[in-house]
C-alpha atoms as a PDB file:
ATOM      1  CA  MET A   1      90.924  62.015  18.134  1.00  0.00           C
ATOM      2  CA  GLN A   2      87.666  60.737  16.857  1.00  0.00           C
ATOM      3  CA  LEU A   3      89.288  57.988  14.893  1.00  0.00           C
ATOM      4  CA  LYS A   4      90.748  56.656  18.048  1.00  0.00           C
ATOM      5  CA  TYR A   5      87.350  57.196  20.149  1.00  0.00           C
ATOM      6  CA  THR A   6      85.678  55.076  17.552  1.00  0.00           C
ATOM      7  CA  PHE A   7      88.173  52.321  17.213  1.00  0.00           C
ATOM      8  CA  THR A   8      87.961  52.214  20.914  1.00  0.00           C
ATOM      9  CA  ALA A   9      84.300  52.086  21.228  1.00  0.00           C
ATOM     10  CA  PHE A  10      84.156  49.397  18.171  1.00  0.00           C
ATOM     11  CA  CYS A  11      86.521  47.160  20.411  1.00  0.00           C
ATOM     12  CA  SER A  12      84.268  47.785  23.344  1.00  0.00           C
ATOM     13  CA  LEU A  13      81.235  46.654  21.788  1.00  0.00           C
ATOM     14  CA  ILE A  14      82.828  43.294  20.561  1.00  0.00           C
ATOM     15  CA  LEU A  15      84.115  42.606  23.726  1.00  0.00           C
ATOM     16  CA  TRP A  16      80.426  43.230  25.229  1.00  0.00           C
ATOM     17  CA  ASN A  17      79.183  40.952  22.600  1.00  0.00           C
ATOM     18  CA  LEU A  18      81.625  38.362  23.157  1.00  0.00           C
ATOM     19  CA  SER A  19      80.837  38.575  26.847  1.00  0.00           C
ATOM     20  CA  PHE A  20      76.936  38.397  26.154  1.00  0.00           C
ATOM     21  CA  ILE A  21      77.636  35.064  23.719  1.00  0.00           C
ATOM     22  CA  ILE A  22      79.983  33.513  26.392  1.00  0.00           C
ATOM     23  CA  THR A  23      77.305  34.003  29.083  1.00  0.00           C
ATOM     24  CA  ALA A  24      74.468  33.104  27.110  1.00  0.00           C
ATOM     25  CA  GLN A  25      76.118  29.616  26.131  1.00  0.00           C
ATOM     26  CA  THR A  26      77.312  29.000  29.862  1.00  0.00           C
ATOM     27  CA  LYS A  27      75.258  26.232  31.147  1.00  0.00           C
ATOM     28  CA  GLY A  28      74.917  25.139  34.889  1.00  0.00           C
ATOM     29  CA  THR A  29      74.633  28.658  36.380  1.00  0.00           C
ATOM     30  CA  GLU A  30      71.578  29.926  38.388  1.00  0.00           C
ATOM     31  CA  ALA A  31      70.223  32.024  35.741  1.00  0.00           C
ATOM     32  CA  ASN A  32      70.844  29.476  32.911  1.00  0.00           C
ATOM     33  CA  PRO A  33      70.733  26.123  34.454  1.00  0.00           C
ATOM     34  CA  TYR A  34      70.862  22.742  32.708  1.00  0.00           C
ATOM     35  CA  LEU A  35      67.461  21.401  31.836  1.00  0.00           C
ATOM     36  CA  LEU A  36      66.441  17.709  32.527  1.00  0.00           C
ATOM     37  CA  GLU A  37      63.204  16.546  31.283  1.00  0.00           C
ATOM     38  CA  PRO A  38      61.726  13.318  31.988  1.00  0.00           C
ATOM     39  CA  SER A  39      61.407  10.880  29.048  1.00  0.00           C
ATOM     40  CA  ALA A  40      61.831   6.877  28.439  1.00  0.00           C
ATOM     41  CA  THR A  41      65.807   7.131  28.154  1.00  0.00           C
ATOM     42  CA  THR A  42      66.160  10.192  31.015  1.00  0.00           C
ATOM     43  CA  VAL A  43      64.482   7.873  33.671  1.00  0.00           C
ATOM     44  CA  ALA A  44      65.532   5.101  36.133  1.00  0.00           C
ATOM     45  CA  TRP A  45      62.052   3.467  36.939  1.00  0.00           C
ATOM     46  CA  GLY A  46      62.008   1.980  40.231  1.00  0.00           C
ATOM     47  CA  TYR A  47      65.694   1.709  41.455  1.00  0.00           C
ATOM     48  CA  TYR A  48      68.859   3.240  42.440  1.00  0.00           C
ATOM     49  CA  TRP A  49      72.054   1.468  40.899  1.00  0.00           C
ATOM     50  CA  SER A  50      75.568   2.060  40.764  1.00  0.00           C
ATOM     51  CA  GLU A  51      75.723   0.558  37.271  1.00  0.00           C
ATOM     52  CA  ALA A  52      72.766   2.993  35.635  1.00  0.00           C
ATOM     53  CA  PRO A  53      73.945   5.076  32.877  1.00  0.00           C
ATOM     54  CA  PRO A  54      73.931   8.884  33.670  1.00  0.00           C
ATOM     55  CA  VAL A  55      71.617  11.223  31.455  1.00  0.00           C
ATOM     56  CA  LEU A  56      73.732  14.314  32.093  1.00  0.00           C
ATOM     57  CA  ARG A  57      77.035  14.974  33.482  1.00  0.00           C
ATOM     58  CA  ILE A  58      77.551  18.125  35.574  1.00  0.00           C
ATOM     59  CA  LYS A  59      80.144  19.774  37.776  1.00  0.00           C
ATOM     60  CA  SER A  60      80.247  20.927  41.528  1.00  0.00           C
ATOM     61  CA  GLY A  61      78.252  24.153  41.874  1.00  0.00           C
ATOM     62  CA  ASP A  62      76.102  23.704  38.768  1.00  0.00           C
ATOM     63  CA  PHE A  63      72.226  24.223  38.795  1.00  0.00           C
ATOM     64  CA  VAL A  64      69.892  21.617  36.999  1.00  0.00           C
ATOM     65  CA  THR A  65      66.101  22.340  36.606  1.00  0.00           C
ATOM     66  CA  ILE A  66      64.728  18.985  36.651  1.00  0.00           C
ATOM     67  CA  HIS A  67      61.143  17.722  35.757  1.00  0.00           C
ATOM     68  CA  THR A  68      60.063  14.919  37.596  1.00  0.00           C
ATOM     69  CA  LEU A  69      56.629  12.643  37.015  1.00  0.00           C
ATOM     70  CA  LEU A  70      53.877  11.573  39.553  1.00  0.00           C
ATOM     71  CA  THR A  71      54.308   7.882  40.434  1.00  0.00           C
ATOM     72  CA  SER A  72      51.506   6.600  38.419  1.00  0.00           C
ATOM     73  CA  ASN A  73      50.306   6.090  34.971  1.00  0.00           C
ATOM     74  CA  PRO A  74      47.809   7.513  32.447  1.00  0.00           C
ATOM     75  CA  GLU A  75      45.376   4.516  32.746  1.00  0.00           C
ATOM     76  CA  ARG A  76      45.098   5.062  36.410  1.00  0.00           C
ATOM     77  CA  LEU A  77      44.921   8.516  36.470  1.00  0.00           C
ATOM     78  CA  LEU A  78      42.000   8.732  33.722  1.00  0.00           C
ATOM     79  CA  ALA A  79      40.060   5.953  35.582  1.00  0.00           C
ATOM     80  CA  ALA A  80      40.153   8.263  38.466  1.00  0.00           C
ATOM     81  CA  GLY A  81      38.555  10.817  36.807  1.00  0.00           C
ATOM     82  CA  VAL A  82      41.534  13.114  35.317  1.00  0.00           C
ATOM     83  CA  PRO A  83      40.754  14.381  31.760  1.00  0.00           C
ATOM     84  CA  GLN A  84      43.087  12.935  29.038  1.00  0.00           C
ATOM     85  CA  ASN A  85      44.368  16.365  27.950  1.00  0.00           C
ATOM     86  CA  LYS A  86      45.288  17.076  31.506  1.00  0.00           C
ATOM     87  CA  ILE A  87      47.734  14.379  31.747  1.00  0.00           C
ATOM     88  CA  GLU A  88      51.247  15.151  30.934  1.00  0.00           C
ATOM     89  CA  LYS A  89      52.437  13.610  27.493  1.00  0.00           C
ATOM     90  CA  GLU A  90      55.789  12.757  29.172  1.00  0.00           C
ATOM     91  CA  LEU A  91      53.863  10.315  31.578  1.00  0.00           C
ATOM     92  CA  TYR A  92      52.885   8.374  28.402  1.00  0.00           C
ATOM     93  CA  GLU A  93      56.412   8.622  26.930  1.00  0.00           C
ATOM     94  CA  VAL A  94      58.160   6.897  30.172  1.00  0.00           C
ATOM     95  CA  GLN A  95      55.678   3.859  29.654  1.00  0.00           C
ATOM     96  CA  ALA A  96      58.066   3.067  26.862  1.00  0.00           C
ATOM     97  CA  ALA A  97      61.155   2.640  29.416  1.00  0.00           C
ATOM     98  CA  LYS A  98      62.427  -0.991  29.199  1.00  0.00           C
ATOM     99  CA  ASP A  99      64.033  -1.169  32.240  1.00  0.00           C
ATOM    100  CA  LYS A 100      61.767  -1.237  35.128  1.00  0.00           C
ATOM    101  CA  GLY A 101      61.696  -2.139  38.788  1.00  0.00           C
ATOM    102  CA  PRO A 102      62.160  -3.540  41.509  1.00  0.00           C
ATOM    103  CA  GLY A 103      60.415  -0.499  42.588  1.00  0.00           C
ATOM    104  CA  GLY A 104      57.543   1.657  41.184  1.00  0.00           C
ATOM    105  CA  HIS A 105      58.783   5.255  41.228  1.00  0.00           C
ATOM    106  CA  VAL A 106      59.586   7.303  38.240  1.00  0.00           C
ATOM    107  CA  LEU A 107      62.890   8.900  38.804  1.00  0.00           C
ATOM    108  CA  THR A 108      64.645  11.623  36.754  1.00  0.00           C
ATOM    109  CA  GLY A 109      68.273  10.654  36.098  1.00  0.00           C
ATOM    110  CA  PRO A 110      70.616   9.898  37.214  1.00  0.00           C
ATOM    111  CA  ILE A 111      73.042  12.512  37.099  1.00  0.00           C
ATOM    112  CA  PHE A 112      76.895  12.201  37.230  1.00  0.00           C
ATOM    113  CA  ILE A 113      79.005  14.972  39.322  1.00  0.00           C
ATOM    114  CA  GLU A 114      82.383  15.053  37.978  1.00  0.00           C
ATOM    115  CA  GLY A 115      84.915  14.423  40.847  1.00  0.00           C
ATOM    116  CA  ALA A 116      82.390  12.791  43.341  1.00  0.00           C
ATOM    117  CA  GLU A 117      84.148   9.882  44.570  1.00  0.00           C
ATOM    118  CA  LEU A 118      83.352   7.031  47.349  1.00  0.00           C
ATOM    119  CA  GLY A 119      83.591   9.220  50.581  1.00  0.00           C
ATOM    120  CA  ASP A 120      82.695  12.366  49.580  1.00  0.00           C
ATOM    121  CA  VAL A 121      79.413  14.163  50.510  1.00  0.00           C
ATOM    122  CA  LEU A 122      77.071  15.428  48.129  1.00  0.00           C
ATOM    123  CA  GLU A 123      75.083  18.496  48.853  1.00  0.00           C
ATOM    124  CA  VAL A 124      71.909  18.785  47.023  1.00  0.00           C
ATOM    125  CA  ARG A 125      70.373  22.428  47.587  1.00  0.00           C
ATOM    126  CA  PHE A 126      66.562  22.820  46.665  1.00  0.00           C
ATOM    127  CA  ALA A 127      66.715  26.236  45.118  1.00  0.00           C
ATOM    128  CA  THR A 128      63.153  26.407  44.155  1.00  0.00           C
ATOM    129  CA  ILE A 129      60.211  23.833  43.651  1.00  0.00           C
ATOM    130  CA  ASP A 130      57.191  24.415  41.496  1.00  0.00           C
ATOM    131  CA  LEU A 131      53.758  22.515  40.865  1.00  0.00           C
ATOM    132  CA  ALA A 132      54.083  20.951  37.658  1.00  0.00           C
ATOM    133  CA  ILE A 133      50.273  20.170  37.114  1.00  0.00           C
ATOM    134  CA  PRO A 134      47.022  21.564  38.534  1.00  0.00           C
ATOM    135  CA  TYR A 135      46.526  18.387  40.457  1.00  0.00           C
ATOM    136  CA  GLY A 136      47.611  15.429  42.556  1.00  0.00           C
ATOM    137  CA  TYR A 137      46.064  12.086  43.952  1.00  0.00           C
ATOM    138  CA  ASN A 138      45.964  10.065  47.084  1.00  0.00           C
ATOM    139  CA  ALA A 139      45.474   6.340  46.979  1.00  0.00           C
ATOM    140  CA  ILE A 140      45.002   3.722  49.664  1.00  0.00           C
ATOM    141  CA  GLY A 141      47.810   1.499  48.952  1.00  0.00           C
ATOM    142  CA  GLN A 142      48.077  -2.500  49.890  1.00  0.00           C
ATOM    143  CA  ASN A 143      51.083  -2.091  52.104  1.00  0.00           C
ATOM    144  CA  GLY A 144      50.005   0.996  54.207  1.00  0.00           C
ATOM    145  CA  PHE A 145      50.647   1.009  57.807  1.00  0.00           C
ATOM    146  CA  LEU A 146      47.139  -0.157  58.674  1.00  0.00           C
ATOM    147  CA  SER A 147      47.368  -3.001  56.206  1.00  0.00           C
ATOM    148  CA  ASP A 148      45.703  -5.449  58.196  1.00  0.00           C
ATOM    149  CA  GLU A 149      42.323  -3.507  58.573  1.00  0.00           C
ATOM    150  CA  ILE A 150      39.882  -3.374  55.448  1.00  0.00           C
ATOM    151  CA  PHE A 151      39.483   0.013  53.653  1.00  0.00           C
ATOM    152  CA  GLU A 152      37.892   0.673  50.273  1.00  0.00           C
ATOM    153  CA  ARG A 153      40.806   0.757  47.639  1.00  0.00           C
ATOM    154  CA  LYS A 154      40.225   4.137  45.821  1.00  0.00           C
ATOM    155  CA  THR A 155      42.206   7.009  44.401  1.00  0.00           C
ATOM    156  CA  LYS A 156      41.302  10.628  45.223  1.00  0.00           C
ATOM    157  CA  ILE A 157      42.192  13.142  42.694  1.00  0.00           C
ATOM    158  CA  ILE A 158      42.947  16.521  44.733  1.00  0.00           C
ATOM    159  CA  GLN A 159      43.027  19.683  42.782  1.00  0.00           C
ATOM    160  CA  LEU A 160      46.021  21.939  43.489  1.00  0.00           C
ATOM    161  CA  ASP A 161      45.475  25.754  43.511  1.00  0.00           C
ATOM    162  CA  LYS A 162      48.991  27.208  42.809  1.00  0.00           C
ATOM    163  CA  GLU A 163      48.285  30.858  43.627  1.00  0.00           C
ATOM    164  CA  LYS A 164      46.614  30.259  47.050  1.00  0.00           C
ATOM    165  CA  MET A 165      49.078  27.257  47.693  1.00  0.00           C
ATOM    166  CA  LEU A 166      46.161  24.848  48.840  1.00  0.00           C
ATOM    167  CA  GLY A 167      44.992  21.314  47.827  1.00  0.00           C
ATOM    168  CA  TYR A 168      41.375  20.879  47.844  1.00  0.00           C
ATOM    169  CA  PHE A 169      40.584  17.463  49.825  1.00  0.00           C
ATOM    170  CA  ASN A 170      36.660  17.996  49.380  1.00  0.00           C
ATOM    171  CA  ASP A 171      34.528  20.843  49.763  1.00  0.00           C
ATOM    172  CA  SER A 172      35.142  21.507  53.457  1.00  0.00           C
ATOM    173  CA  ILE A 173      39.016  20.875  53.841  1.00  0.00           C
ATOM    174  CA  SER A 174      41.811  22.447  52.342  1.00  0.00           C
ATOM    175  CA  ILE A 175      45.319  21.500  52.748  1.00  0.00           C
ATOM    176  CA  PRO A 176      48.383  23.697  52.782  1.00  0.00           C
ATOM    177  CA  LEU A 177      50.878  22.758  50.094  1.00  0.00           C
ATOM    178  CA  ARG A 178      54.433  22.284  50.868  1.00  0.00           C
ATOM    179  CA  PRO A 179      55.768  20.690  47.720  1.00  0.00           C
ATOM    180  CA  PHE A 180      59.079  18.664  47.835  1.00  0.00           C
ATOM    181  CA  PHE A 181      60.563  15.291  46.269  1.00  0.00           C
ATOM    182  CA  GLY A 182      59.738  12.405  48.220  1.00  0.00           C
ATOM    183  CA  SER A 183      62.564  10.565  46.885  1.00  0.00           C
ATOM    184  CA  ALA A 184      66.107  12.084  46.268  1.00  0.00           C
ATOM    185  CA  GLY A 185      69.295   9.810  46.256  1.00  0.00           C
ATOM    186  CA  VAL A 186      72.467   8.834  44.692  1.00  0.00           C
ATOM    187  CA  ALA A 187      73.483   5.263  44.116  1.00  0.00           C
ATOM    188  CA  PRO A 188      73.998   2.833  46.850  1.00  0.00           C
ATOM    189  CA  PRO A 189      77.469   0.750  47.161  1.00  0.00           C
ATOM    190  CA  LYS A 190      77.993  -1.508  44.081  1.00  0.00           C
ATOM    191  CA  GLU A 191      77.673  -4.689  46.073  1.00  0.00           C
ATOM    192  CA  VAL A 192      74.101  -4.306  46.619  1.00  0.00           C
ATOM    193  CA  GLY A 193      73.254  -4.162  43.212  1.00  0.00           C
ATOM    194  CA  LYS A 194      70.106  -2.502  42.109  1.00  0.00           C
ATOM    195  CA  TRP A 195      68.206  -1.202  45.173  1.00  0.00           C
ATOM    196  CA  ASN A 196      64.476  -0.972  45.136  1.00  0.00           C
ATOM    197  CA  SER A 197      63.338   2.718  44.833  1.00  0.00           C
ATOM    198  CA  ALA A 198      61.035   2.375  47.854  1.00  0.00           C
ATOM    199  CA  PRO A 199      63.128   1.837  51.100  1.00  0.00           C
ATOM    200  CA  PRO A 200      65.117   4.765  51.812  1.00  0.00           C
ATOM    201  CA  TRP A 201      68.682   3.755  52.873  1.00  0.00           C
ATOM    202  CA  ILE A 202      72.172   5.045  53.193  1.00  0.00           C
ATOM    203  CA  ASN A 203      72.192   6.631  49.750  1.00  0.00           C
ATOM    204  CA  ALA A 204      69.064   8.552  50.841  1.00  0.00           C
ATOM    205  CA  GLY A 205      66.533   7.955  48.216  1.00  0.00           C
ATOM    206  CA  ASN A 206      62.589   7.446  49.267  1.00  0.00           C
ATOM    207  CA  LEU A 207      63.041   9.434  52.418  1.00  0.00           C
ATOM    208  CA  ASP A 208      59.504  11.142  52.192  1.00  0.00           C
ATOM    209  CA  ASN A 209      60.761  13.978  54.340  1.00  0.00           C
ATOM    210  CA  LYS A 210      58.586  16.813  54.343  1.00  0.00           C
ATOM    211  CA  GLU A 211      61.215  19.111  55.608  1.00  0.00           C
ATOM    212  CA  LEU A 212      62.980  19.243  52.347  1.00  0.00           C
ATOM    213  CA  VAL A 213      61.215  22.226  50.560  1.00  0.00           C
ATOM    214  CA  ALA A 214      62.902  24.878  48.678  1.00  0.00           C
ATOM    215  CA  GLY A 215      65.515  26.505  50.382  1.00  0.00           C
ATOM    216  CA  SER A 216      66.464  23.427  52.420  1.00  0.00           C
ATOM    217  CA  SER A 217      69.927  21.309  51.440  1.00  0.00           C
ATOM    218  CA  LEU A 218      70.331  17.422  51.504  1.00  0.00           C
ATOM    219  CA  PHE A 219      73.881  15.934  52.473  1.00  0.00           C
ATOM    220  CA  ILE A 220      74.266  12.513  51.143  1.00  0.00           C
ATOM    221  CA  PRO A 221      77.390  10.238  51.743  1.00  0.00           C
ATOM    222  CA  VAL A 222      78.661   9.069  48.277  1.00  0.00           C
ATOM    223  CA  HIS A 223      79.130   5.640  47.490  1.00  0.00           C
ATOM    224  CA  VAL A 224      80.318   5.288  43.796  1.00  0.00           C
ATOM    225  CA  LYS A 225      82.062   7.301  40.899  1.00  0.00           C
ATOM    226  CA  GLY A 226      79.989  10.405  39.793  1.00  0.00           C
ATOM    227  CA  ALA A 227      77.356   9.852  42.656  1.00  0.00           C
ATOM    228  CA  LEU A 228      74.537   9.137  40.216  1.00  0.00           C
ATOM    229  CA  PHE A 229      72.060  11.330  41.501  1.00  0.00           C
ATOM    230  CA  GLU A 230      68.144  10.643  40.830  1.00  0.00           C
ATOM    231  CA  VAL A 231      64.893  12.432  41.997  1.00  0.00           C
ATOM    232  CA  GLY A 232      61.376  12.067  41.941  1.00  0.00           C
ATOM    233  CA  ASP A 233      58.090  11.091  43.712  1.00  0.00           C
ATOM    234  CA  GLY A 234      56.796  14.771  44.102  1.00  0.00           C
ATOM    235  CA  HIS A 235      54.629  15.527  46.810  1.00  0.00           C
ATOM    236  CA  ALA A 236      52.455  18.466  46.907  1.00  0.00           C
ATOM    237  CA  ALA A 237      51.726  17.837  50.555  1.00  0.00           C
ATOM    238  CA  GLN A 238      52.354  15.115  53.088  1.00  0.00           C
ATOM    239  CA  GLY A 239      51.721  14.074  56.831  1.00  0.00           C
ATOM    240  CA  ASN A 240      54.544  12.748  59.002  1.00  0.00           C
ATOM    241  CA  GLY A 241      53.972   9.032  58.732  1.00  0.00           C
ATOM    242  CA  GLU A 242      52.516   8.893  55.200  1.00  0.00           C
ATOM    243  CA  VAL A 243      50.326   6.204  56.787  1.00  0.00           C
ATOM    244  CA  ASP A 244      48.470   5.083  53.680  1.00  0.00           C
ATOM    245  CA  ILE A 245      51.570   4.997  51.648  1.00  0.00           C
ATOM    246  CA  THR A 246      50.990   7.964  49.535  1.00  0.00           C
ATOM    247  CA  ALA A 247      51.119  11.659  50.005  1.00  0.00           C
ATOM    248  CA  ILE A 248      49.306  14.220  47.504  1.00  0.00           C
ATOM    249  CA  GLU A 249      51.208  12.676  44.799  1.00  0.00           C
ATOM    250  CA  THR A 250      52.225  15.200  41.878  1.00  0.00           C
ATOM    251  CA  SER A 251      54.476  16.308  39.090  1.00  0.00           C
ATOM    252  CA  LEU A 252      57.103  18.787  40.171  1.00  0.00           C
ATOM    253  CA  ILE A 253      59.721  21.101  38.486  1.00  0.00           C
ATOM    254  CA  GLY A 254      62.636  22.018  40.864  1.00  0.00           C
ATOM    255  CA  LYS A 255      65.873  23.946  40.395  1.00  0.00           C
ATOM    256  CA  LEU A 256      68.822  22.159  42.203  1.00  0.00           C
ATOM    257  CA  GLN A 257      72.334  23.385  43.002  1.00  0.00           C
ATOM    258  CA  PHE A 258      74.983  20.396  43.480  1.00  0.00           C
ATOM    259  CA  ILE A 259      77.903  21.028  45.768  1.00  0.00           C
ATOM    260  CA  LEU A 260      80.460  18.604  46.151  1.00  0.00           C
ATOM    261  CA  HIS A 261      82.209  18.475  49.918  1.00  0.00           C
ATOM    262  CA  LYS A 262      85.733  17.023  49.666  1.00  0.00           C
ATOM    263  CA  GLY A 263      87.056  15.774  53.121  1.00  0.00           C
ATOM    264  CA  LYS A 264      84.022  15.519  54.791  1.00  0.00           C
ATOM    265  CA  SER A 265      82.340  12.254  55.348  1.00  0.00           C
ATOM    266  CA  LEU A 266      78.617  10.998  56.590  1.00  0.00           C
ATOM    267  CA  ARG A 267      77.245   7.814  57.620  1.00  0.00           C
ATOM    268  CA  TRP A 268      73.819   8.657  56.958  1.00  0.00           C
ATOM    269  CA  PRO A 269      71.858  11.342  55.140  1.00  0.00           C
ATOM    270  CA  ARG A 270      71.841  14.748  56.781  1.00  0.00           C
ATOM    271  CA  ALA A 271      69.562  17.847  55.925  1.00  0.00           C
ATOM    272  CA  GLU A 272      69.560  21.374  56.797  1.00  0.00           C
ATOM    273  CA  THR A 273      66.481  23.719  56.636  1.00  0.00           C
ATOM    274  CA  LYS A 274      66.625  27.829  57.580  1.00  0.00           C
ATOM    275  CA  THR A 275      65.697  26.973  60.894  1.00  0.00           C
ATOM    276  CA  HIS A 276      66.935  23.393  61.585  1.00  0.00           C
ATOM    277  CA  ILE A 277      69.518  20.694  61.101  1.00  0.00           C
ATOM    278  CA  ILE A 278      68.124  17.242  60.351  1.00  0.00           C
ATOM    279  CA  SER A 279      69.587  13.932  61.056  1.00  0.00           C
ATOM    280  CA  MET A 280      67.865  10.447  59.730  1.00  0.00           C
ATOM    281  CA  GLY A 281      67.530   7.035  60.177  1.00  0.00           C
ATOM    282  CA  CYS A 282      66.041   4.191  58.368  1.00  0.00           C
ATOM    283  CA  ASP A 283      65.706   0.562  58.997  1.00  0.00           C
ATOM    284  CA  ARG A 284      63.072  -1.871  58.910  1.00  0.00           C
ATOM    285  CA  ASP A 285      62.689  -1.679  62.606  1.00  0.00           C
ATOM    286  CA  LEU A 286      61.302   1.622  63.966  1.00  0.00           C
ATOM    287  CA  ASN A 287      63.442   1.448  67.382  1.00  0.00           C
ATOM    288  CA  VAL A 288      66.823   0.913  65.043  1.00  0.00           C
ATOM    289  CA  ALA A 289      65.665   3.693  62.773  1.00  0.00           C
ATOM    290  CA  THR A 290      65.085   5.999  65.942  1.00  0.00           C
ATOM    291  CA  HIS A 291      68.493   4.981  67.608  1.00  0.00           C
ATOM    292  CA  ILE A 292      70.335   5.955  64.351  1.00  0.00           C
ATOM    293  CA  ALA A 293      68.839   9.550  64.025  1.00  0.00           C
ATOM    294  CA  VAL A 294      69.415  10.238  67.485  1.00  0.00           C
ATOM    295  CA  ARG A 295      72.883   8.915  67.599  1.00  0.00           C
ATOM    296  CA  GLU A 296      73.621  10.820  64.242  1.00  0.00           C
ATOM    297  CA  MET A 297      72.459  14.146  65.881  1.00  0.00           C
ATOM    298  CA  ILE A 298      75.027  13.186  68.693  1.00  0.00           C
ATOM    299  CA  GLN A 299      77.698  12.991  66.146  1.00  0.00           C
ATOM    300  CA  TYR A 300      76.722  16.139  64.608  1.00  0.00           C
ATOM    301  CA  LEU A 301      76.596  18.104  67.942  1.00  0.00           C
ATOM    302  CA  MET A 302      79.899  16.758  68.917  1.00  0.00           C
ATOM    303  CA  ASP A 303      81.672  17.327  65.561  1.00  0.00           C
ATOM    304  CA  GLU A 304      80.187  20.751  64.736  1.00  0.00           C
ATOM    305  CA  LYS A 305      79.226  22.236  68.019  1.00  0.00           C
ATOM    306  CA  HIS A 306      82.221  20.563  69.914  1.00  0.00           C
ATOM    307  CA  LEU A 307      80.088  19.137  72.601  1.00  0.00           C
ATOM    308  CA  SER A 308      80.854  16.345  74.677  1.00  0.00           C
ATOM    309  CA  LYS A 309      78.885  13.176  74.110  1.00  0.00           C
ATOM    310  CA  SER A 310      77.104  13.406  77.433  1.00  0.00           C
ATOM    311  CA  ASP A 311      76.383  16.742  76.666  1.00  0.00           C
ATOM    312  CA  ALA A 312      75.309  16.044  72.848  1.00  0.00           C
ATOM    313  CA  TYR A 313      72.694  13.458  74.537  1.00  0.00           C
ATOM    314  CA  MET A 314      71.325  15.966  77.223  1.00  0.00           C
ATOM    315  CA  LEU A 315      70.636  18.572  74.474  1.00  0.00           C
ATOM    316  CA  CYS A 316      69.121  16.183  72.096  1.00  0.00           C
ATOM    317  CA  SER A 317      66.831  15.416  75.271  1.00  0.00           C
ATOM    318  CA  VAL A 318      65.836  19.040  75.969  1.00  0.00           C
ATOM    319  CA  ALA A 319      65.715  20.969  72.634  1.00  0.00           C
ATOM    320  CA  VAL A 320      65.491  18.203  69.662  1.00  0.00           C
ATOM    321  CA  ASP A 321      62.042  16.870  68.432  1.00  0.00           C
ATOM    322  CA  VAL A 322      62.482  13.285  67.215  1.00  0.00           C
ATOM    323  CA  ASN A 323      59.821  12.343  64.690  1.00  0.00           C
ATOM    324  CA  ILE A 324      58.279   9.744  62.563  1.00  0.00           C
ATOM    325  CA  THR A 325      59.109  10.456  59.185  1.00  0.00           C
ATOM    326  CA  GLN A 326      57.144   7.464  57.216  1.00  0.00           C
ATOM    327  CA  LEU A 327      56.055   3.935  58.057  1.00  0.00           C
ATOM    328  CA  VAL A 328      55.442   2.601  54.832  1.00  0.00           C
ATOM    329  CA  ASP A 329      58.341   2.007  52.560  1.00  0.00           C
ATOM    330  CA  GLY A 330      59.791  -1.190  53.977  1.00  0.00           C
ATOM    331  CA  ASN A 331      62.536   0.759  55.810  1.00  0.00           C
ATOM    332  CA  VAL A 332      60.645   3.016  58.210  1.00  0.00           C
ATOM    333  CA  GLY A 333      62.192   6.639  58.666  1.00  0.00           C
ATOM    334  CA  VAL A 334      62.716   8.791  61.604  1.00  0.00           C
ATOM    335  CA  HIS A 335      64.170  12.245  61.678  1.00  0.00           C
ATOM    336  CA  ALA A 336      65.502  14.379  64.334  1.00  0.00           C
ATOM    337  CA  MET A 337      65.399  17.886  64.272  1.00  0.00           C
ATOM    338  CA  LEU A 338      67.542  20.423  66.152  1.00  0.00           C
ATOM    339  CA  PRO A 339      66.509  24.312  65.956  1.00  0.00           C
ATOM    340  CA  LYS A 340      69.286  26.546  65.037  1.00  0.00           C
ATOM    341  CA  SER A 341      68.107  29.391  67.033  1.00  0.00           C
ATOM    342  CA  ILE A 342      69.000  27.908  70.336  1.00  0.00           C
ATOM    343  CA  PHE A 343      72.903  28.381  69.560  1.00  0.00           C
ATOM    344  CA  LEU A 344      74.080  32.021  70.446  1.00  0.00           C
ATOM    345  CA  LYS A 345      76.823  31.850  68.194  1.00  0.00           C
END
């Protein structure tokens, strides 16, 4: 009896250890996500592109912790007053990236999602988004909304308090922090070639939508095999419009989950937060972008809530907020916000 007990206990111990080893080695889980750090070989500098070589391959359902860098360079930050020891070493490393442009954003990726094909929808769930450094900056760019007016060209360093989640604009102004990735998207259709990272489009990209904080999901139509997801342009806080062309630009670390939806199609990116469904439109013309966002919301209400086209249009007028997302990225952005609380079932 004692021998039998000992043998059984021994087998149980072996199985427990084996289970621990398998669990410990499993990558892509929420507890043990893939890790993607920025370097000269793991960033796409200034573009979304169907031919960009992937730096990580994952499966639907996998989690990835991704470190992104603020869109700047060490020399600019030093000149603005950031001590050299506060500048991330990775920012120096990515300066060595050979393939740069046509845009200026430092994007971590691309990530290849196994099974993703043209016509699918990729859901990106922002599980967590954390500040990577204790500062950010705002700078007046030459392509700001009021580019025809004269402003002092300056870069302001804004200290970030991670515990209080406040950014100190000056001694008498503090800004609540709601970190999000200004740019998150997939490769565009092959025929457009290397897409500038600045203008958002059907592939999402530089949406600058401040609602995409932790707990939200971004739904993006897939245009090429593997989707080729990239992310960056971290913002600690931003106002709708982003009128001087920058937010509080900073580096972020986010844990993202990727869910592939087969048999579900989208024409434009869509988002969901804890409280709202969000449709989006982008175009060089603000009027056109607004038409897209409203029509996409009508389509959502018809498809998902089974409203008639006229009733969906009416509901948009009485319950949906139509907001300017940003005015400065070549393609301007508009997003329509539908409160989920209005639905009784």
